[in-house]
């Protein structure tokens, strides 16, 4: 099965800017799982969704055009 690559753009502003990068990553993984999206998974003992993302923003910094790539 071939899965297309998808790029998601979002803004990290106001109260969301106080969330750290790992918390944001885990909450987006949970969001995709609850939405029922079929994502490419990593192999191994504890598979995780394959997500590619740019460098993490520091806590308290706003991002207006953040992008995540889903494989």
PDB file of N, CA and C in Angstrom:
ATOM      1  N   UNK A   1       0.846  -1.173   0.000  1.00  0.00           N
ATOM      2  CA  UNK A   1       0.000   0.000   0.000  1.00  0.00           C
ATOM      3  C   UNK A   1       0.899   1.246   0.000  1.00  0.00           C
ATOM      4  N   UNK A   2       0.632   2.159  -0.906  1.00  0.00           N
ATOM      5  CA  UNK A   2       1.388   3.398  -0.997  1.00  0.00           C
ATOM      6  C   UNK A   2       0.597   4.496  -0.305  1.00  0.00           C
ATOM      7  N   UNK A   3       1.228   5.161   0.649  1.00  0.00           N
ATOM      8  CA  UNK A   3       0.572   6.256   1.352  1.00  0.00           C
ATOM      9  C   UNK A   3       1.143   7.570   0.838  1.00  0.00           C
ATOM     10  N   UNK A   4       0.292   8.497   0.478  1.00  0.00           N
ATOM     11  CA  UNK A   4       0.805   9.794   0.020  1.00  0.00           C
ATOM     12  C   UNK A   4       1.352  10.602   1.197  1.00  0.00           C
ATOM     13  N   UNK A   5       2.297  11.469   0.899  1.00  0.00           N
ATOM     14  CA  UNK A   5       2.802  12.372   1.924  1.00  0.00           C
ATOM     15  C   UNK A   5       1.834  13.528   2.073  1.00  0.00           C
ATOM     16  N   UNK A   6       1.621  13.934   3.294  1.00  0.00           N
ATOM     17  CA  UNK A   6       0.687  15.019   3.584  1.00  0.00           C
ATOM     18  C   UNK A   6       1.421  16.058   4.425  1.00  0.00           C
ATOM     19  N   UNK A   7       1.254  17.318   4.090  1.00  0.00           N
ATOM     20  CA  UNK A   7       1.843  18.394   4.877  1.00  0.00           C
ATOM     21  C   UNK A   7       0.729  19.145   5.590  1.00  0.00           C
ATOM     22  N   UNK A   8       0.860  19.268   6.888  1.00  0.00           N
ATOM     23  CA  UNK A   8      -0.127  19.974   7.700  1.00  0.00           C
ATOM     24  C   UNK A   8       0.504  21.260   8.197  1.00  0.00           C
ATOM     25  N   UNK A   9      -0.180  22.356   7.983  1.00  0.00           N
ATOM     26  CA  UNK A   9       0.289  23.651   8.482  1.00  0.00           C
ATOM     27  C   UNK A   9      -0.624  24.108   9.604  1.00  0.00           C
ATOM     28  N   UNK A  10      -0.019  24.648  10.645  1.00  0.00           N
ATOM     29  CA  UNK A  10      -0.798  25.120  11.777  1.00  0.00           C
ATOM     30  C   UNK A  10      -0.074  26.291  12.419  1.00  0.00           C
ATOM     31  N   UNK A  11      -0.777  26.994  13.274  1.00  0.00           N
ATOM     32  CA  UNK A  11      -0.206  28.123  14.015  1.00  0.00           C
ATOM     33  C   UNK A  11      -0.131  27.768  15.490  1.00  0.00           C
ATOM     34  N   UNK A  12       0.955  28.166  16.111  1.00  0.00           N
ATOM     35  CA  UNK A  12       1.147  27.932  17.544  1.00  0.00           C
ATOM     36  C   UNK A  12       1.172  29.311  18.199  1.00  0.00           C
ATOM     37  N   UNK A  13      -0.013  29.774  18.620  1.00  0.00           N
ATOM     38  CA  UNK A  13      -0.153  31.130  19.143  1.00  0.00           C
ATOM     39  C   UNK A  13      -0.915  31.125  20.457  1.00  0.00           C
ATOM     40  N   UNK A  14      -0.983  32.272  21.071  1.00  0.00           N
ATOM     41  CA  UNK A  14      -1.675  32.539  22.344  1.00  0.00           C
ATOM     42  C   UNK A  14      -1.328  31.490  23.401  1.00  0.00           C
ATOM     43  N   UNK A  15      -2.286  30.803  23.970  1.00  0.00           N
ATOM     44  CA  UNK A  15      -2.022  29.871  25.064  1.00  0.00           C
ATOM     45  C   UNK A  15      -1.269  28.624  24.585  1.00  0.00           C
ATOM     46  N   UNK A  16      -1.417  28.264  23.325  1.00  0.00           N
ATOM     47  CA  UNK A  16      -0.728  27.084  22.789  1.00  0.00           C
ATOM     48  C   UNK A  16       0.785  27.277  22.755  1.00  0.00           C
ATOM     49  N   UNK A  17       1.253  28.516  22.743  1.00  0.00           N
ATOM     50  CA  UNK A  17       2.698  28.762  22.714  1.00  0.00           C
ATOM     51  C   UNK A  17       3.380  28.318  23.998  1.00  0.00           C
ATOM     52  N   UNK A  18       2.625  28.075  25.062  1.00  0.00           N
ATOM     53  CA  UNK A  18       3.188  27.640  26.329  1.00  0.00           C
ATOM     54  C   UNK A  18       3.340  26.125  26.432  1.00  0.00           C
ATOM     55  N   UNK A  19       2.947  25.405  25.380  1.00  0.00           N
ATOM     56  CA  UNK A  19       3.075  23.949  25.345  1.00  0.00           C
ATOM     57  C   UNK A  19       4.428  23.600  24.725  1.00  0.00           C
ATOM     58  N   UNK A  20       5.146  22.675  25.338  1.00  0.00           N
ATOM     59  CA  UNK A  20       6.433  22.237  24.829  1.00  0.00           C
ATOM     60  C   UNK A  20       6.291  21.372  23.587  1.00  0.00           C
ATOM     61  N   UNK A  21       7.411  21.141  22.921  1.00  0.00           N
ATOM     62  CA  UNK A  21       7.405  20.412  21.662  1.00  0.00           C
ATOM     63  C   UNK A  21       6.958  18.957  21.827  1.00  0.00           C
ATOM     64  N   UNK A  22       7.421  18.293  22.860  1.00  0.00           N
ATOM     65  CA  UNK A  22       7.020  16.894  23.066  1.00  0.00           C
ATOM     66  C   UNK A  22       5.544  16.769  23.406  1.00  0.00           C
ATOM     67  N   UNK A  23       5.027  17.694  24.185  1.00  0.00           N
ATOM     68  CA  UNK A  23       3.593  17.675  24.502  1.00  0.00           C
ATOM     69  C   UNK A  23       2.770  17.904  23.247  1.00  0.00           C
ATOM     70  N   UNK A  24       3.218  18.831  22.391  1.00  0.00           N
ATOM     71  CA  UNK A  24       2.516  19.102  21.139  1.00  0.00           C
ATOM     72  C   UNK A  24       2.544  17.872  20.239  1.00  0.00           C
ATOM     73  N   UNK A  25       3.693  17.206  20.159  1.00  0.00           N
ATOM     74  CA  UNK A  25       3.816  16.006  19.338  1.00  0.00           C
ATOM     75  C   UNK A  25       2.871  14.907  19.810  1.00  0.00           C
ATOM     76  N   UNK A  26       2.855  14.647  21.113  1.00  0.00           N
ATOM     77  CA  UNK A  26       1.989  13.576  21.621  1.00  0.00           C
ATOM     78  C   UNK A  26       0.515  13.922  21.475  1.00  0.00           C
ATOM     79  N   UNK A  27       0.153  15.190  21.628  1.00  0.00           N
ATOM     80  CA  UNK A  27      -1.258  15.552  21.467  1.00  0.00           C
ATOM     81  C   UNK A  27      -1.693  15.443  20.007  1.00  0.00           C
ATOM     82  N   UNK A  28      -0.810  15.766  19.058  1.00  0.00           N
ATOM     83  CA  UNK A  28      -1.169  15.600  17.648  1.00  0.00           C
ATOM     84  C   UNK A  28      -1.259  14.123  17.269  1.00  0.00           C
ATOM     85  N   UNK A  29      -0.387  13.276  17.823  1.00  0.00           N
ATOM     86  CA  UNK A  29      -0.504  11.837  17.584  1.00  0.00           C
ATOM     87  C   UNK A  29      -1.842  11.319  18.091  1.00  0.00           C
ATOM     88  N   UNK A  30      -2.248  11.769  19.271  1.00  0.00           N
ATOM     89  CA  UNK A  30      -3.531  11.357  19.848  1.00  0.00           C
ATOM     90  C   UNK A  30      -4.689  11.857  18.993  1.00  0.00           C
ATOM     91  N   UNK A  31      -4.575  13.081  18.465  1.00  0.00           N
ATOM     92  CA  UNK A  31      -5.610  13.650  17.607  1.00  0.00           C
ATOM     93  C   UNK A  31      -5.782  12.829  16.340  1.00  0.00           C
ATOM     94  N   UNK A  32      -4.658  12.441  15.708  1.00  0.00           N
ATOM     95  CA  UNK A  32      -4.733  11.641  14.486  1.00  0.00           C
ATOM     96  C   UNK A  32      -5.322  10.263  14.772  1.00  0.00           C
ATOM     97  N   UNK A  33      -4.962   9.674  15.903  1.00  0.00           N
ATOM     98  CA  UNK A  33      -5.478   8.355  16.269  1.00  0.00           C
ATOM     99  C   UNK A  33      -6.987   8.417  16.504  1.00  0.00           C
ATOM    100  N   UNK A  34      -7.455   9.458  17.199  1.00  0.00           N
ATOM    101  CA  UNK A  34      -8.896   9.592  17.463  1.00  0.00           C
ATOM    102  C   UNK A  34      -9.684   9.885  16.200  1.00  0.00           C
ATOM    103  N   UNK A  35      -9.050  10.559  15.237  1.00  0.00           N
ATOM    104  CA  UNK A  35      -9.711  10.862  13.972  1.00  0.00           C
ATOM    105  C   UNK A  35      -9.802   9.639  13.066  1.00  0.00           C
ATOM    106  N   UNK A  36      -9.062   8.584  13.404  1.00  0.00           N
ATOM    107  CA  UNK A  36      -9.114   7.363  12.607  1.00  0.00           C
ATOM    108  C   UNK A  36      -8.277   7.421  11.347  1.00  0.00           C
ATOM    109  N   UNK A  37      -7.286   8.301  11.304  1.00  0.00           N
ATOM    110  CA  UNK A  37      -6.417   8.392  10.131  1.00  0.00           C
ATOM    111  C   UNK A  37      -5.434   7.227  10.124  1.00  0.00           C
ATOM    112  N   UNK A  38      -5.189   6.665   8.949  1.00  0.00           N
ATOM    113  CA  UNK A  38      -4.209   5.587   8.851  1.00  0.00           C
ATOM    114  C   UNK A  38      -2.861   6.216   8.502  1.00  0.00           C
ATOM    115  N   UNK A  39      -1.952   6.177   9.451  1.00  0.00           N
ATOM    116  CA  UNK A  39      -0.633   6.753   9.278  1.00  0.00           C
ATOM    117  C   UNK A  39       0.394   5.651   9.120  1.00  0.00           C
ATOM    118  N   UNK A  40       1.511   5.983   8.467  1.00  0.00           N
ATOM    119  CA  UNK A  40       2.627   5.061   8.407  1.00  0.00           C
ATOM    120  C   UNK A  40       3.231   4.932   9.796  1.00  0.00           C
ATOM    121  N   UNK A  41       3.512   3.708  10.215  1.00  0.00           N
ATOM    122  CA  UNK A  41       4.032   3.474  11.558  1.00  0.00           C
ATOM    123  C   UNK A  41       5.478   3.006  11.484  1.00  0.00           C
ATOM    124  N   UNK A  42       6.242   3.349  12.505  1.00  0.00           N
ATOM    125  CA  UNK A  42       7.606   2.860  12.613  1.00  0.00           C
ATOM    126  C   UNK A  42       7.567   1.399  13.060  1.00  0.00           C
ATOM    127  N   UNK A  43       8.645   0.697  12.875  1.00  0.00           N
ATOM    128  CA  UNK A  43       8.702  -0.692  13.313  1.00  0.00           C
ATOM    129  C   UNK A  43       9.238  -0.771  14.734  1.00  0.00           C
ATOM    130  N   UNK A  44       9.351  -1.977  15.234  1.00  0.00           N
ATOM    131  CA  UNK A  44       9.946  -2.165  16.543  1.00  0.00           C
ATOM    132  C   UNK A  44       8.946  -2.562  17.609  1.00  0.00           C
ATOM    133  N   UNK A  45       9.423  -2.559  18.836  1.00  0.00           N
ATOM    134  CA  UNK A  45       8.614  -3.001  19.970  1.00  0.00           C
ATOM    135  C   UNK A  45       7.441  -2.077  20.234  1.00  0.00           C
ATOM    136  N   UNK A  46       7.648  -0.789  20.099  1.00  0.00           N
ATOM    137  CA  UNK A  46       6.608   0.200  20.375  1.00  0.00           C
ATOM    138  C   UNK A  46       6.447   1.124  19.164  1.00  0.00           C
ATOM    139  N   UNK A  47       5.644   0.735  18.170  1.00  0.00           N
ATOM    140  CA  UNK A  47       5.524   1.541  16.953  1.00  0.00           C
ATOM    141  C   UNK A  47       4.857   2.889  17.209  1.00  0.00           C
ATOM    142  N   UNK A  48       5.371   3.903  16.536  1.00  0.00           N
ATOM    143  CA  UNK A  48       4.840   5.272  16.615  1.00  0.00           C
ATOM    144  C   UNK A  48       4.533   5.736  15.197  1.00  0.00           C
ATOM    145  N   UNK A  49       3.640   6.704  15.055  1.00  0.00           N
ATOM    146  CA  UNK A  49       3.391   7.256  13.721  1.00  0.00           C
ATOM    147  C   UNK A  49       4.647   7.937  13.175  1.00  0.00           C
ATOM    148  N   UNK A  50       4.846   7.822  11.875  1.00  0.00           N
ATOM    149  CA  UNK A  50       5.991   8.479  11.244  1.00  0.00           C
ATOM    150  C   UNK A  50       5.633   9.924  10.974  1.00  0.00           C
ATOM    151  N   UNK A  51       6.232  10.804  11.722  1.00  0.00           N
ATOM    152  CA  UNK A  51       6.012  12.241  11.582  1.00  0.00           C
ATOM    153  C   UNK A  51       7.354  12.914  11.370  1.00  0.00           C
ATOM    154  N   UNK A  52       7.438  13.783  10.392  1.00  0.00           N
ATOM    155  CA  UNK A  52       8.632  14.601  10.177  1.00  0.00           C
ATOM    156  C   UNK A  52       8.251  16.032  10.468  1.00  0.00           C
ATOM    157  N   UNK A  53       9.046  16.697  11.284  1.00  0.00           N
ATOM    158  CA  UNK A  53       8.724  18.061  11.641  1.00  0.00           C
ATOM    159  C   UNK A  53       9.992  18.890  11.698  1.00  0.00           C
ATOM    160  N   UNK A  54       9.861  20.204  11.531  1.00  0.00           N
ATOM    161  CA  UNK A  54      11.031  21.071  11.581  1.00  0.00           C
ATOM    162  C   UNK A  54      11.566  21.197  13.000  1.00  0.00           C
ATOM    163  N   UNK A  55      12.542  22.025  13.173  1.00  0.00           N
ATOM    164  CA  UNK A  55      13.119  22.243  14.493  1.00  0.00           C
ATOM    165  C   UNK A  55      12.062  22.723  15.474  1.00  0.00           C
ATOM    166  N   UNK A  56      12.234  22.334  16.708  1.00  0.00           N
ATOM    167  CA  UNK A  56      11.272  22.689  17.745  1.00  0.00           C
ATOM    168  C   UNK A  56      11.402  24.165  18.121  1.00  0.00           C
ATOM    169  N   UNK A  57      10.265  24.787  18.382  1.00  0.00           N
ATOM    170  CA  UNK A  57      10.263  26.150  18.902  1.00  0.00           C
ATOM    171  C   UNK A  57      10.421  26.105  20.413  1.00  0.00           C
ATOM    172  N   UNK A  58      11.069  27.111  20.948  1.00  0.00           N
ATOM    173  CA  UNK A  58      11.198  27.197  22.396  1.00  0.00           C
ATOM    174  C   UNK A  58       9.837  27.499  23.007  1.00  0.00           C
ATOM    175  N   UNK A  59       9.658  27.126  24.263  1.00  0.00           N
ATOM    176  CA  UNK A  59       8.396  27.394  24.959  1.00  0.00           C
ATOM    177  C   UNK A  59       8.236  28.902  25.085  1.00  0.00           C
ATOM    178  N   UNK A  60       7.064  29.397  24.716  1.00  0.00           N
ATOM    179  CA  UNK A  60       6.777  30.825  24.790  1.00  0.00           C
ATOM    180  C   UNK A  60       6.945  31.558  23.469  1.00  0.00           C
ATOM    181  N   UNK A  61       7.482  30.892  22.450  1.00  0.00           N
ATOM    182  CA  UNK A  61       7.678  31.498  21.136  1.00  0.00           C
ATOM    183  C   UNK A  61       6.496  31.129  20.252  1.00  0.00           C
ATOM    184  N   UNK A  62       5.928  32.122  19.575  1.00  0.00           N
ATOM    185  CA  UNK A  62       4.806  31.866  18.668  1.00  0.00           C
ATOM    186  C   UNK A  62       5.312  31.438  17.305  1.00  0.00           C
ATOM    187  N   UNK A  63       4.581  30.539  16.670  1.00  0.00           N
ATOM    188  CA  UNK A  63       4.872  30.104  15.313  1.00  0.00           C
ATOM    189  C   UNK A  63       3.622  30.271  14.481  1.00  0.00           C
ATOM    190  N   UNK A  64       3.729  30.995  13.387  1.00  0.00           N
ATOM    191  CA  UNK A  64       2.532  31.260  12.571  1.00  0.00           C
ATOM    192  C   UNK A  64       2.371  30.292  11.419  1.00  0.00           C
ATOM    193  N   UNK A  65       3.475  29.712  10.935  1.00  0.00           N
ATOM    194  CA  UNK A  65       3.375  28.802   9.795  1.00  0.00           C
ATOM    195  C   UNK A  65       4.190  27.551  10.056  1.00  0.00           C
ATOM    196  N   UNK A  66       3.840  26.800  11.074  1.00  0.00           N
ATOM    197  CA  UNK A  66       4.503  25.542  11.366  1.00  0.00           C
ATOM    198  C   UNK A  66       3.991  24.480  10.386  1.00  0.00           C
ATOM    199  N   UNK A  67       4.834  23.529  10.054  1.00  0.00           N
ATOM    200  CA  UNK A  67       4.430  22.480   9.117  1.00  0.00           C
ATOM    201  C   UNK A  67       4.913  21.126   9.606  1.00  0.00           C
ATOM    202  N   UNK A  68       4.086  20.104   9.462  1.00  0.00           N
ATOM    203  CA  UNK A  68       4.432  18.724   9.798  1.00  0.00           C
ATOM    204  C   UNK A  68       4.221  17.905   8.538  1.00  0.00           C
ATOM    205  N   UNK A  69       5.107  16.985   8.273  1.00  0.00           N
ATOM    206  CA  UNK A  69       4.949  16.062   7.158  1.00  0.00           C
ATOM    207  C   UNK A  69       4.567  14.693   7.695  1.00  0.00           C
ATOM    208  N   UNK A  70       3.509  14.137   7.165  1.00  0.00           N
ATOM    209  CA  UNK A  70       3.067  12.794   7.544  1.00  0.00           C
ATOM    210  C   UNK A  70       3.469  11.842   6.423  1.00  0.00           C
ATOM    211  N   UNK A  71       4.134  10.760   6.777  1.00  0.00           N
ATOM    212  CA  UNK A  71       4.542   9.772   5.780  1.00  0.00           C
ATOM    213  C   UNK A  71       3.569   8.636   5.762  1.00  0.00           C
TER     214      UNK A  71
END
